[in-house]
Amino acid sequence: MRRATAVLLAALISACSGSPGATTSTGSAPPATATPRITPTPPPTVTQRFVFDKGAVVDTKLTSTGDNFINPGAVIERDGVLHMFPNSFSAWPGRMLIPHLTSTDGGVTWTLDTKSKPIDSTGLKLADPGIDVSTGFVTEDGTWVLIYESVSTSSPWVLARASAPSPDGPWTVEDTPVLEPGAAGSFDHGGIQWPWVIRIGDRWVMYYAGVDAPQGGTGSIGVAFSSDGKTWTKGEAPVLAASEKWEGRSVDRPRVVPTPSGFAMVYAGRTLTNRGLATSTDGLSWTKIPGPNIERKDFPVSGPGSWDSALVYRDGQLVYLLEIGGETTKIYRATLAWP
């Protein structure tokens, strides 16, 4: 089908209870280095698998876009409400529409915000020929931020921002990258993609997939840090690399949330129908839980592939929103009780 991919100190953990590259954006931010290591803290006991709801929770009929495909894009929780900014499209890469949906029941039911105008990728400088919104957050001054990747068939991907005073917009889509590929020989020299941002202590932390070559290179999970959500500084090395047979020598699409027992990550292997779990006490040193935890056989519909995703922690559960389909796609919801 369409796409082939598409030290934080321990003290920071208590502050957040209760979310070889170079600095590539302008401005100054204090450097932060990531030193991957095997944490001595064992992962929580996970004996269950994600369980999918029977039907899709979001499709393009709900969004009124009339496209063939949809993925969850960015999901932001604010005051108990989930806000989704999904990517709706009929060709990939191609024109993208990003509407605004809300849910008050943990992602079971969603409502289209008819007051807001969808972001349209037509004419955007970094659309080559498309974009994909992947993550979002709200800054301390109340600014809503979405991070998108420049989806290209030939050039290494970069990351950029869109911002608005509220989830209803209006959105200002910036065309200056906030994060770019690393130098030749680095793990993310071939492009950076599928980011995910959480708050840890007094910084924003971005997890992203870096590939060593465009179009099918080996993926590793990198990390970058920001004090203002605008200027980002990369860690020096990946925080997660492929080591399990099921991963196919590549990892992708990191989705990370803080939980009462530490940080949880759901990530993809090279075969995107396989998703694994990892845990961390500091957000940098990760322990994998033997997997995968999600495979094609777990899907609520038969025979399709899976693509992009979002993750939230809510009411003692990991809630995973996953794009599944073939000639068309919809968004499905899976849950896992989390220790």
C-alpha atoms as a PDB file:
ATOM      1  CA  MET A   1       0.000   0.000   0.000  1.00  0.00           C
ATOM      2  CA  ARG A   2       0.968   3.620   0.266  1.00  0.00           C
ATOM      3  CA  ARG A   3       3.949   4.126   2.581  1.00  0.00           C
ATOM      4  CA  ALA A   4       7.079   2.170   3.458  1.00  0.00           C
ATOM      5  CA  THR A   5       7.585   4.415   6.657  1.00  0.00           C
ATOM      6  CA  ALA A   6       6.580   6.609   6.565  1.00  0.00           C
ATOM      7  CA  VAL A   7      20.660  12.874  31.134  1.00  0.00           C
ATOM      8  CA  LEU A   8      17.178  13.818  32.179  1.00  0.00           C
ATOM      9  CA  LEU A   9      17.922  13.477  35.892  1.00  0.00           C
ATOM     10  CA  ALA A  10      15.842  11.139  38.028  1.00  0.00           C
ATOM     11  CA  ALA A  11      14.713  14.220  39.928  1.00  0.00           C
ATOM     12  CA  LEU A  12      12.679  15.220  36.910  1.00  0.00           C
ATOM     13  CA  ILE A  13      10.436  12.217  37.422  1.00  0.00           C
ATOM     14  CA  SER A  14       8.947  13.589  40.589  1.00  0.00           C
ATOM     15  CA  ALA A  15       8.499  16.946  38.893  1.00  0.00           C
ATOM     16  CA  CYS A  16       6.389  15.459  36.138  1.00  0.00           C
ATOM     17  CA  SER A  17       4.230  13.084  38.161  1.00  0.00           C
ATOM     18  CA  GLY A  18       0.811  14.110  37.967  1.00  0.00           C
ATOM     19  CA  SER A  19       4.029  14.648  30.341  1.00  0.00           C
ATOM     20  CA  PRO A  20      25.370  11.870  16.520  1.00  0.00           C
ATOM     21  CA  GLY A  21      22.807  14.957  15.708  1.00  0.00           C
ATOM     22  CA  ALA A  22      23.255  18.666  15.884  1.00  0.00           C
ATOM     23  CA  THR A  23      21.065  21.480  17.117  1.00  0.00           C
ATOM     24  CA  THR A  24      19.220  22.474  13.979  1.00  0.00           C
ATOM     25  CA  SER A  25      17.002  25.363  15.012  1.00  0.00           C
ATOM     26  CA  THR A  26      17.973  28.911  15.832  1.00  0.00           C
ATOM     27  CA  GLY A  27      18.257  30.346  19.314  1.00  0.00           C
ATOM     28  CA  SER A  28      19.929  29.031  22.396  1.00  0.00           C
ATOM     29  CA  ALA A  29      18.877  26.134  24.561  1.00  0.00           C
ATOM     30  CA  PRO A  30      20.936  24.406  27.214  1.00  0.00           C
ATOM     31  CA  PRO A  31      22.525  21.270  25.802  1.00  0.00           C
ATOM     32  CA  ALA A  32      21.244  17.921  26.965  1.00  0.00           C
ATOM     33  CA  THR A  33      22.836  14.599  26.267  1.00  0.00           C
ATOM     34  CA  ALA A  34      21.202  11.225  26.291  1.00  0.00           C
ATOM     35  CA  THR A  35      23.265   8.276  27.402  1.00  0.00           C
ATOM     36  CA  PRO A  36      21.276   5.120  26.680  1.00  0.00           C
ATOM     37  CA  ARG A  37      21.796   2.334  29.177  1.00  0.00           C
ATOM     38  CA  ILE A  38      19.939  -0.642  30.552  1.00  0.00           C
ATOM     39  CA  THR A  39      17.975   0.563  33.544  1.00  0.00           C
ATOM     40  CA  PRO A  40      18.298  -1.684  36.611  1.00  0.00           C
ATOM     41  CA  THR A  41      14.597  -1.186  37.286  1.00  0.00           C
ATOM     42  CA  PRO A  42      12.630  -4.123  35.861  1.00  0.00           C
ATOM     43  CA  PRO A  43       9.559  -3.394  33.741  1.00  0.00           C
ATOM     44  CA  PRO A  44       6.157  -3.805  35.346  1.00  0.00           C
ATOM     45  CA  THR A  45       4.585  -7.209  34.950  1.00  0.00           C
ATOM     46  CA  VAL A  46       2.541  -7.124  31.751  1.00  0.00           C
ATOM     47  CA  THR A  47       0.772 -10.378  30.988  1.00  0.00           C
ATOM     48  CA  GLN A  48      -2.067  -8.997  28.887  1.00  0.00           C
ATOM     49  CA  ARG A  49      -2.246  -7.639  25.358  1.00  0.00           C
ATOM     50  CA  PHE A  50      -3.934  -4.554  24.031  1.00  0.00           C
ATOM     51  CA  VAL A  51      -7.600  -5.276  23.299  1.00  0.00           C
ATOM     52  CA  PHE A  52      -9.345  -3.422  20.483  1.00  0.00           C
ATOM     53  CA  ASP A  53     -12.875  -2.118  20.578  1.00  0.00           C
ATOM     54  CA  LYS A  54     -15.058  -3.868  18.013  1.00  0.00           C
ATOM     55  CA  GLY A  55     -15.621  -0.938  15.674  1.00  0.00           C
ATOM     56  CA  ALA A  56     -13.766   2.122  14.433  1.00  0.00           C
ATOM     57  CA  VAL A  57     -13.945   5.281  16.528  1.00  0.00           C
ATOM     58  CA  VAL A  58     -13.091   7.774  13.756  1.00  0.00           C
ATOM     59  CA  ASP A  59     -13.491   7.712   9.977  1.00  0.00           C
ATOM     60  CA  THR A  60     -13.678  10.310   7.211  1.00  0.00           C
ATOM     61  CA  LYS A  61     -17.466  10.263   7.309  1.00  0.00           C
ATOM     62  CA  LEU A  62     -17.260  11.692  10.819  1.00  0.00           C
ATOM     63  CA  THR A  63     -14.744  14.341   9.768  1.00  0.00           C
ATOM     64  CA  SER A  64     -16.799  15.293   6.666  1.00  0.00           C
ATOM     65  CA  THR A  65     -13.634  15.319   4.574  1.00  0.00           C
ATOM     66  CA  GLY A  66     -14.706  12.505   2.241  1.00  0.00           C
ATOM     67  CA  ASP A  67     -11.159  11.151   1.924  1.00  0.00           C
ATOM     68  CA  ASN A  68     -10.032   7.524   1.708  1.00  0.00           C
ATOM     69  CA  PHE A  69      -7.606   7.519   4.628  1.00  0.00           C
ATOM     70  CA  ILE A  70      -7.350   8.964   8.114  1.00  0.00           C
ATOM     71  CA  ASN A  71      -4.874   8.645  10.975  1.00  0.00           C
ATOM     72  CA  PRO A  72      -5.013  10.072  14.517  1.00  0.00           C
ATOM     73  CA  GLY A  73      -2.337  12.728  14.009  1.00  0.00           C
ATOM     74  CA  ALA A  74      -1.950  14.659  17.267  1.00  0.00           C
ATOM     75  CA  VAL A  75      -3.980  13.853  20.393  1.00  0.00           C
ATOM     76  CA  ILE A  76      -3.786  16.359  23.262  1.00  0.00           C
ATOM     77  CA  GLU A  77      -5.522  15.995  26.634  1.00  0.00           C
ATOM     78  CA  ARG A  78      -6.643  19.246  28.216  1.00  0.00           C
ATOM     79  CA  ASP A  79      -8.897  19.582  31.287  1.00  0.00           C
ATOM     80  CA  GLY A  80     -10.187  16.034  30.878  1.00  0.00           C
ATOM     81  CA  VAL A  81     -11.024  16.436  27.187  1.00  0.00           C
ATOM     82  CA  LEU A  82      -9.133  14.670  24.405  1.00  0.00           C
ATOM     83  CA  HIS A  83      -8.470  16.802  21.337  1.00  0.00           C
ATOM     84  CA  MET A  84      -7.591  14.989  18.113  1.00  0.00           C
ATOM     85  CA  PHE A  85      -6.096  16.664  15.049  1.00  0.00           C
ATOM     86  CA  PRO A  86      -6.251  13.786  12.537  1.00  0.00           C
ATOM     87  CA  ASN A  87      -4.696  13.672   9.090  1.00  0.00           C
ATOM     88  CA  SER A  88      -7.307  13.085   6.375  1.00  0.00           C
ATOM     89  CA  PHE A  89      -6.130  12.308   2.835  1.00  0.00           C
ATOM     90  CA  SER A  90      -6.830  10.362  -0.357  1.00  0.00           C
ATOM     91  CA  ALA A  91      -3.287  10.108  -1.737  1.00  0.00           C
ATOM     92  CA  TRP A  92      -0.109   9.602   0.239  1.00  0.00           C
ATOM     93  CA  PRO A  93       1.900  11.654   0.103  1.00  0.00           C
ATOM     94  CA  GLY A  94      -0.498  14.342  -1.043  1.00  0.00           C
ATOM     95  CA  ARG A  95      -2.924  16.994   0.112  1.00  0.00           C
ATOM     96  CA  MET A  96      -3.726  16.779   3.825  1.00  0.00           C
ATOM     97  CA  LEU A  97      -6.686  18.156   5.757  1.00  0.00           C
ATOM     98  CA  ILE A  98      -6.412  18.367   9.555  1.00  0.00           C
ATOM     99  CA  PRO A  99      -9.753  18.965  11.330  1.00  0.00           C
ATOM    100  CA  HIS A 100     -10.398  19.137  15.079  1.00  0.00           C
ATOM    101  CA  LEU A 101     -12.273  16.443  17.035  1.00  0.00           C
ATOM    102  CA  THR A 102     -13.019  16.131  20.758  1.00  0.00           C
ATOM    103  CA  SER A 103     -13.817  13.255  23.124  1.00  0.00           C
ATOM    104  CA  THR A 104     -14.918  13.330  26.760  1.00  0.00           C
ATOM    105  CA  ASP A 105     -15.066   9.547  27.314  1.00  0.00           C
ATOM    106  CA  GLY A 106     -11.464   8.484  26.760  1.00  0.00           C
ATOM    107  CA  GLY A 107     -11.599   8.270  22.990  1.00  0.00           C
ATOM    108  CA  VAL A 108     -14.641   5.995  22.633  1.00  0.00           C
ATOM    109  CA  THR A 109     -16.784   8.621  20.915  1.00  0.00           C
ATOM    110  CA  TRP A 110     -15.593  11.684  19.027  1.00  0.00           C
ATOM    111  CA  THR A 111     -17.315  14.902  17.927  1.00  0.00           C
ATOM    112  CA  LEU A 112     -16.291  17.103  15.000  1.00  0.00           C
ATOM    113  CA  ASP A 113     -15.612  20.733  15.898  1.00  0.00           C
ATOM    114  CA  THR A 114     -17.645  22.429  13.182  1.00  0.00           C
ATOM    115  CA  LYS A 115     -16.516  25.895  14.336  1.00  0.00           C
ATOM    116  CA  SER A 116     -12.890  25.363  13.357  1.00  0.00           C
ATOM    117  CA  LYS A 117     -11.530  25.340   9.836  1.00  0.00           C
ATOM    118  CA  PRO A 118      -9.304  22.337   9.023  1.00  0.00           C
ATOM    119  CA  ILE A 119      -5.645  23.008   8.308  1.00  0.00           C
ATOM    120  CA  ASP A 120      -5.072  22.504   4.575  1.00  0.00           C
ATOM    121  CA  SER A 121      -1.584  21.537   3.375  1.00  0.00           C
ATOM    122  CA  THR A 122      -2.181  23.029  -0.081  1.00  0.00           C
ATOM    123  CA  GLY A 123       0.503  25.594  -0.821  1.00  0.00           C
ATOM    124  CA  LEU A 124       2.554  25.000   2.319  1.00  0.00           C
ATOM    125  CA  LYS A 125       6.260  25.492   1.681  1.00  0.00           C
ATOM    126  CA  LEU A 126       7.332  22.268   3.374  1.00  0.00           C
ATOM    127  CA  ALA A 127       4.637  20.110   1.749  1.00  0.00           C
ATOM    128  CA  ASP A 128       6.680  18.066  -0.720  1.00  0.00           C
ATOM    129  CA  PRO A 129       4.062  17.071  -1.719  1.00  0.00           C
ATOM    130  CA  GLY A 130       2.437  16.495   1.681  1.00  0.00           C
ATOM    131  CA  ILE A 131       2.691  16.824   5.454  1.00  0.00           C
ATOM    132  CA  ASP A 132       1.633  14.725   8.437  1.00  0.00           C
ATOM    133  CA  VAL A 133       0.720  16.166  11.835  1.00  0.00           C
ATOM    134  CA  SER A 134       2.156  13.770  14.411  1.00  0.00           C
ATOM    135  CA  THR A 135       2.034  15.295  17.906  1.00  0.00           C
ATOM    136  CA  GLY A 136       0.961  18.369  19.834  1.00  0.00           C
ATOM    137  CA  PHE A 137       1.032  20.132  23.192  1.00  0.00           C
ATOM    138  CA  VAL A 138      -0.097  23.300  24.963  1.00  0.00           C
ATOM    139  CA  THR A 139       2.554  25.723  26.221  1.00  0.00           C
ATOM    140  CA  GLU A 140       2.461  27.500  29.570  1.00  0.00           C
ATOM    141  CA  ASP A 141       1.025  30.656  27.970  1.00  0.00           C
ATOM    142  CA  GLY A 142      -1.885  28.679  26.486  1.00  0.00           C
ATOM    143  CA  THR A 143      -0.557  28.404  22.930  1.00  0.00           C
ATOM    144  CA  TRP A 144      -1.602  25.235  21.124  1.00  0.00           C
ATOM    145  CA  VAL A 145       1.221  23.660  19.119  1.00  0.00           C
ATOM    146  CA  LEU A 146       1.190  20.916  16.492  1.00  0.00           C
ATOM    147  CA  ILE A 147       4.387  19.335  15.154  1.00  0.00           C
ATOM    148  CA  TYR A 148       4.307  18.050  11.593  1.00  0.00           C
ATOM    149  CA  GLU A 149       6.742  16.272   9.327  1.00  0.00           C
ATOM    150  CA  SER A 150       7.418  17.220   5.717  1.00  0.00           C
ATOM    151  CA  VAL A 151       6.396  14.112   3.790  1.00  0.00           C
ATOM    152  CA  SER A 152       8.581  13.761   0.706  1.00  0.00           C
ATOM    153  CA  THR A 153       9.166  11.022  -1.836  1.00  0.00           C
ATOM    154  CA  SER A 154      12.829  11.974  -2.262  1.00  0.00           C
ATOM    155  CA  SER A 155      14.164  14.402   0.362  1.00  0.00           C
ATOM    156  CA  PRO A 156      14.969  13.649   3.994  1.00  0.00           C
ATOM    157  CA  TRP A 157      12.035  14.660   6.165  1.00  0.00           C
ATOM    158  CA  VAL A 158      12.151  17.571   8.613  1.00  0.00           C
ATOM    159  CA  LEU A 159       9.888  18.706  11.457  1.00  0.00           C
ATOM    160  CA  ALA A 160       8.070  22.035  11.765  1.00  0.00           C
ATOM    161  CA  ARG A 161       5.367  23.701  13.877  1.00  0.00           C
ATOM    162  CA  ALA A 162       1.867  25.076  13.608  1.00  0.00           C
ATOM    163  CA  SER A 163       0.440  27.173  16.433  1.00  0.00           C
ATOM    164  CA  ALA A 164      -2.876  28.707  17.472  1.00  0.00           C
ATOM    165  CA  PRO A 165      -4.368  30.561  20.452  1.00  0.00           C
ATOM    166  CA  SER A 166      -6.956  27.795  20.929  1.00  0.00           C
ATOM    167  CA  PRO A 167      -7.789  24.349  19.498  1.00  0.00           C
ATOM    168  CA  ASP A 168     -10.300  26.088  17.228  1.00  0.00           C
ATOM    169  CA  GLY A 169      -7.496  28.066  15.558  1.00  0.00           C
ATOM    170  CA  PRO A 170      -6.738  30.108  13.613  1.00  0.00           C
ATOM    171  CA  TRP A 171      -3.575  28.127  12.879  1.00  0.00           C
ATOM    172  CA  THR A 172      -0.300  29.660  11.787  1.00  0.00           C
ATOM    173  CA  VAL A 173       1.687  27.007   9.940  1.00  0.00           C
ATOM    174  CA  GLU A 174       5.406  27.760  10.152  1.00  0.00           C
ATOM    175  CA  ASP A 175       7.716  26.855   7.273  1.00  0.00           C
ATOM    176  CA  THR A 176      11.052  26.960   9.111  1.00  0.00           C
ATOM    177  CA  PRO A 177      12.081  23.514  10.392  1.00  0.00           C
ATOM    178  CA  VAL A 178      12.499  23.091  14.136  1.00  0.00           C
ATOM    179  CA  LEU A 179      14.426  19.838  13.735  1.00  0.00           C
ATOM    180  CA  GLU A 180      16.419  18.516  10.770  1.00  0.00           C
ATOM    181  CA  PRO A 181      18.430  15.396   9.891  1.00  0.00           C
ATOM    182  CA  GLY A 182      21.842  14.904  11.467  1.00  0.00           C
ATOM    183  CA  ALA A 183      25.265  14.964   9.853  1.00  0.00           C
ATOM    184  CA  ALA A 184      26.477  12.263   7.492  1.00  0.00           C
ATOM    185  CA  GLY A 185      26.978   9.014   9.369  1.00  0.00           C
ATOM    186  CA  SER A 186      24.497   9.844  12.132  1.00  0.00           C
ATOM    187  CA  PHE A 187      21.565   7.578  12.959  1.00  0.00           C
ATOM    188  CA  ASP A 188      19.089  10.197  11.676  1.00  0.00           C
ATOM    189  CA  HIS A 189      20.997  11.371   8.608  1.00  0.00           C
ATOM    190  CA  GLY A 190      18.263  10.004   6.310  1.00  0.00           C
ATOM    191  CA  GLY A 191      15.433  11.961   7.920  1.00  0.00           C
ATOM    192  CA  ILE A 192      13.420  12.446  11.089  1.00  0.00           C
ATOM    193  CA  GLN A 193       9.774  11.540  11.410  1.00  0.00           C
ATOM    194  CA  TRP A 194       6.746  10.567  13.544  1.00  0.00           C
ATOM    195  CA  PRO A 195       7.621  12.688  16.611  1.00  0.00           C
ATOM    196  CA  TRP A 196       5.865  12.619  19.984  1.00  0.00           C
ATOM    197  CA  VAL A 197       6.181  15.317  22.670  1.00  0.00           C
ATOM    198  CA  ILE A 198       5.626  15.107  26.438  1.00  0.00           C
ATOM    199  CA  ARG A 199       6.520  17.314  29.389  1.00  0.00           C
ATOM    200  CA  ILE A 200       9.195  16.114  31.816  1.00  0.00           C
ATOM    201  CA  GLY A 201      10.063  18.506  34.605  1.00  0.00           C
ATOM    202  CA  ASP A 202      10.684  21.970  33.170  1.00  0.00           C
ATOM    203  CA  ARG A 203      11.337  20.812  29.585  1.00  0.00           C
ATOM    204  CA  TRP A 204       9.515  19.485  26.614  1.00  0.00           C
ATOM    205  CA  VAL A 205      10.915  16.159  25.434  1.00  0.00           C
ATOM    206  CA  MET A 206      10.426  15.012  21.852  1.00  0.00           C
ATOM    207  CA  TYR A 207      10.831  11.385  20.823  1.00  0.00           C
ATOM    208  CA  TYR A 208      11.221  10.806  17.109  1.00  0.00           C
ATOM    209  CA  ALA A 209      12.183   8.133  14.617  1.00  0.00           C
ATOM    210  CA  GLY A 210      15.480   8.818  12.883  1.00  0.00           C
ATOM    211  CA  VAL A 211      16.475   6.822   9.799  1.00  0.00           C
ATOM    212  CA  ASP A 212      19.994   6.399   8.487  1.00  0.00           C
ATOM    213  CA  ALA A 213      18.857   6.518   4.853  1.00  0.00           C
ATOM    214  CA  PRO A 214      15.695   7.802   3.169  1.00  0.00           C
ATOM    215  CA  GLN A 215      13.069   5.343   1.964  1.00  0.00           C
ATOM    216  CA  GLY A 216      13.611   2.148   3.912  1.00  0.00           C
ATOM    217  CA  GLY A 217      16.671   2.871   6.041  1.00  0.00           C
ATOM    218  CA  THR A 218      17.177   1.553   9.544  1.00  0.00           C
ATOM    219  CA  GLY A 219      15.132   3.416  12.152  1.00  0.00           C
ATOM    220  CA  SER A 220      16.125   4.253  15.725  1.00  0.00           C
ATOM    221  CA  ILE A 221      14.369   6.354  18.352  1.00  0.00           C
ATOM    222  CA  GLY A 222      16.035   9.679  19.079  1.00  0.00           C
ATOM    223  CA  VAL A 223      15.205  12.419  21.559  1.00  0.00           C
ATOM    224  CA  ALA A 224      15.339  16.218  21.592  1.00  0.00           C
ATOM    225  CA  PHE A 225      14.778  18.784  24.358  1.00  0.00           C
ATOM    226  CA  SER A 226      13.214  22.240  24.494  1.00  0.00           C
ATOM    227  CA  SER A 227      12.516  24.769  27.227  1.00  0.00           C
ATOM    228  CA  ASP A 228      10.062  26.788  25.124  1.00  0.00           C
ATOM    229  CA  GLY A 229       8.616  24.354  22.571  1.00  0.00           C
ATOM    230  CA  LYS A 230      10.282  26.259  19.734  1.00  0.00           C
ATOM    231  CA  THR A 231      14.019  25.649  19.924  1.00  0.00           C
ATOM    232  CA  TRP A 232      15.073  22.008  20.164  1.00  0.00           C
ATOM    233  CA  THR A 233      18.380  20.382  21.032  1.00  0.00           C
ATOM    234  CA  LYS A 234      19.013  16.766  20.069  1.00  0.00           C
ATOM    235  CA  GLY A 235      20.490  14.129  22.318  1.00  0.00           C
ATOM    236  CA  GLU A 236      23.730  12.618  21.089  1.00  0.00           C
ATOM    237  CA  ALA A 237      22.531   9.074  20.449  1.00  0.00           C
ATOM    238  CA  PRO A 238      19.360   7.015  20.068  1.00  0.00           C
ATOM    239  CA  VAL A 239      17.484   6.080  23.226  1.00  0.00           C
ATOM    240  CA  LEU A 240      16.000   2.957  21.633  1.00  0.00           C
ATOM    241  CA  ALA A 241      17.360   0.767  18.831  1.00  0.00           C
ATOM    242  CA  ALA A 242      16.218  -2.499  17.324  1.00  0.00           C
ATOM    243  CA  SER A 243      17.360  -5.618  19.186  1.00  0.00           C
ATOM    244  CA  GLU A 244      14.407  -8.018  19.037  1.00  0.00           C
ATOM    245  CA  LYS A 245      13.744 -10.381  16.135  1.00  0.00           C
ATOM    246  CA  TRP A 246      10.188  -9.139  15.644  1.00  0.00           C
ATOM    247  CA  GLU A 247      11.399  -5.556  15.142  1.00  0.00           C
ATOM    248  CA  GLY A 248      13.038  -6.419  11.804  1.00  0.00           C
ATOM    249  CA  ARG A 249      16.214  -4.440  12.648  1.00  0.00           C
ATOM    250  CA  SER A 250      14.294  -1.130  12.730  1.00  0.00           C
ATOM    251  CA  VAL A 251      12.055   0.745  15.185  1.00  0.00           C
ATOM    252  CA  ASP A 252       9.643   3.556  14.438  1.00  0.00           C
ATOM    253  CA  ARG A 253       6.703   5.694  15.610  1.00  0.00           C
ATOM    254  CA  PRO A 254       7.461   6.181  19.333  1.00  0.00           C
ATOM    255  CA  ARG A 255       4.465   7.114  21.485  1.00  0.00           C
ATOM    256  CA  VAL A 256       5.303   7.907  25.131  1.00  0.00           C
ATOM    257  CA  VAL A 257       3.185   8.785  28.175  1.00  0.00           C
ATOM    258  CA  PRO A 258       3.931   9.295  31.873  1.00  0.00           C
ATOM    259  CA  THR A 259       2.141   6.897  34.234  1.00  0.00           C
ATOM    260  CA  PRO A 260       2.193   6.443  38.028  1.00  0.00           C
ATOM    261  CA  SER A 261       4.791   3.662  37.582  1.00  0.00           C
ATOM    262  CA  GLY A 262       7.061   5.606  35.207  1.00  0.00           C
ATOM    263  CA  PHE A 263       7.055   6.145  31.461  1.00  0.00           C
ATOM    264  CA  ALA A 264       5.484   3.790  28.923  1.00  0.00           C
ATOM    265  CA  MET A 265       6.306   3.676  25.213  1.00  0.00           C
ATOM    266  CA  VAL A 266       4.435   1.940  22.409  1.00  0.00           C
ATOM    267  CA  TYR A 267       6.502   1.711  19.238  1.00  0.00           C
ATOM    268  CA  ALA A 268       6.483  -0.042  15.865  1.00  0.00           C
ATOM    269  CA  GLY A 269       8.915  -2.421  14.219  1.00  0.00           C
ATOM    270  CA  ARG A 270       9.799  -2.363  10.542  1.00  0.00           C
ATOM    271  CA  THR A 271       6.609  -4.304   9.840  1.00  0.00           C
ATOM    272  CA  LEU A 272       4.130  -1.736  11.047  1.00  0.00           C
ATOM    273  CA  THR A 273       1.541  -4.328  12.030  1.00  0.00           C
ATOM    274  CA  ASN A 274       3.833  -5.214  14.961  1.00  0.00           C
ATOM    275  CA  ARG A 275       3.892  -2.905  18.000  1.00  0.00           C
ATOM    276  CA  GLY A 276       5.968  -3.300  21.145  1.00  0.00           C
ATOM    277  CA  LEU A 277       6.161  -1.881  24.664  1.00  0.00           C
ATOM    278  CA  ALA A 278       9.034  -0.362  26.633  1.00  0.00           C
ATOM    279  CA  THR A 279       9.270   1.270  30.058  1.00  0.00           C
ATOM    280  CA  SER A 280      11.561   3.843  31.635  1.00  0.00           C
ATOM    281  CA  THR A 281      12.125   5.549  34.974  1.00  0.00           C
ATOM    282  CA  ASP A 282      13.798   8.646  33.525  1.00  0.00           C
ATOM    283  CA  GLY A 283      12.491   8.902  29.947  1.00  0.00           C
ATOM    284  CA  LEU A 284      15.873   8.035  28.461  1.00  0.00           C
ATOM    285  CA  SER A 285      16.900   4.556  29.575  1.00  0.00           C
ATOM    286  CA  TRP A 286      14.352   2.085  28.258  1.00  0.00           C
ATOM    287  CA  THR A 287      13.620  -1.558  29.065  1.00  0.00           C
ATOM    288  CA  LYS A 288      11.701  -3.522  26.450  1.00  0.00           C
ATOM    289  CA  ILE A 289       8.852  -5.798  27.446  1.00  0.00           C
ATOM    290  CA  PRO A 290       9.098  -8.991  25.366  1.00  0.00           C
ATOM    291  CA  GLY A 291       6.787  -8.664  22.428  1.00  0.00           C
ATOM    292  CA  PRO A 292       5.294  -7.725  20.198  1.00  0.00           C
ATOM    293  CA  ASN A 293       2.199  -6.789  22.164  1.00  0.00           C
ATOM    294  CA  ILE A 294       0.096  -5.958  19.093  1.00  0.00           C
ATOM    295  CA  GLU A 295       0.111  -8.021  15.898  1.00  0.00           C
ATOM    296  CA  ARG A 296      -2.146  -8.269  12.870  1.00  0.00           C
ATOM    297  CA  LYS A 297      -4.094 -11.091  14.521  1.00  0.00           C
ATOM    298  CA  ASP A 298      -5.194  -8.661  17.238  1.00  0.00           C
ATOM    299  CA  PHE A 299      -6.895  -6.248  14.825  1.00  0.00           C
ATOM    300  CA  PRO A 300     -10.680  -5.925  14.932  1.00  0.00           C
ATOM    301  CA  VAL A 301     -10.830  -6.208  11.123  1.00  0.00           C
ATOM    302  CA  SER A 302      -9.160  -8.889   9.037  1.00  0.00           C
ATOM    303  CA  GLY A 303      -6.336  -8.664   6.551  1.00  0.00           C
ATOM    304  CA  PRO A 304      -5.330  -4.997   6.623  1.00  0.00           C
ATOM    305  CA  GLY A 305      -2.181  -3.095   7.520  1.00  0.00           C
ATOM    306  CA  SER A 306      -1.653  -0.570  10.298  1.00  0.00           C
ATOM    307  CA  TRP A 307      -0.040   2.802  10.113  1.00  0.00           C
ATOM    308  CA  ASP A 308      -0.004   5.843  12.378  1.00  0.00           C
ATOM    309  CA  SER A 309      -0.966   6.083  16.024  1.00  0.00           C
ATOM    310  CA  ALA A 310      -1.462   8.102  19.202  1.00  0.00           C
ATOM    311  CA  LEU A 311      -1.248   7.174  22.884  1.00  0.00           C
ATOM    312  CA  VAL A 312      -2.764   8.525  26.113  1.00  0.00           C
ATOM    313  CA  TYR A 313      -2.808   7.309  29.713  1.00  0.00           C
ATOM    314  CA  ARG A 314      -6.224   7.567  31.307  1.00  0.00           C
ATOM    315  CA  ASP A 315      -7.970   5.966  34.286  1.00  0.00           C
ATOM    316  CA  GLY A 316      -5.342   3.260  34.780  1.00  0.00           C
ATOM    317  CA  GLN A 317      -5.179   2.313  31.114  1.00  0.00           C
ATOM    318  CA  LEU A 318      -3.011   2.909  28.097  1.00  0.00           C
ATOM    319  CA  VAL A 319      -5.336   4.019  25.316  1.00  0.00           C
ATOM    320  CA  TYR A 320      -3.852   3.443  21.862  1.00  0.00           C
ATOM    321  CA  LEU A 321      -5.433   4.909  18.735  1.00  0.00           C
ATOM    322  CA  LEU A 322      -4.283   3.151  15.566  1.00  0.00           C
ATOM    323  CA  GLU A 323      -4.932   3.677  11.871  1.00  0.00           C
ATOM    324  CA  ILE A 324      -5.879   0.320  10.313  1.00  0.00           C
ATOM    325  CA  GLY A 325      -6.983  -0.515   6.795  1.00  0.00           C
ATOM    326  CA  GLY A 326      -6.122  -1.219   3.191  1.00  0.00           C
ATOM    327  CA  GLU A 327      -7.851   0.578   0.325  1.00  0.00           C
ATOM    328  CA  THR A 328      -9.343   2.823   3.005  1.00  0.00           C
ATOM    329  CA  THR A 329      -8.374   3.323   6.645  1.00  0.00           C
ATOM    330  CA  LYS A 330     -10.149   4.147   9.893  1.00  0.00           C
ATOM    331  CA  ILE A 331      -8.993   4.784  13.447  1.00  0.00           C
ATOM    332  CA  TYR A 332      -9.465   2.040  16.014  1.00  0.00           C
ATOM    333  CA  ARG A 333      -9.096   2.174  19.801  1.00  0.00           C
ATOM    334  CA  ALA A 334      -7.244  -0.379  21.938  1.00  0.00           C
ATOM    335  CA  THR A 335      -6.737  -0.417  25.717  1.00  0.00           C
ATOM    336  CA  LEU A 336      -4.345  -2.099  28.133  1.00  0.00           C
ATOM    337  CA  ALA A 337      -4.612  -1.985  31.924  1.00  0.00           C
ATOM    338  CA  TRP A 338      -1.316  -0.497  33.112  1.00  0.00           C
ATOM    339  CA  PRO A 339       0.387  -1.393  36.387  1.00  0.00           C
END
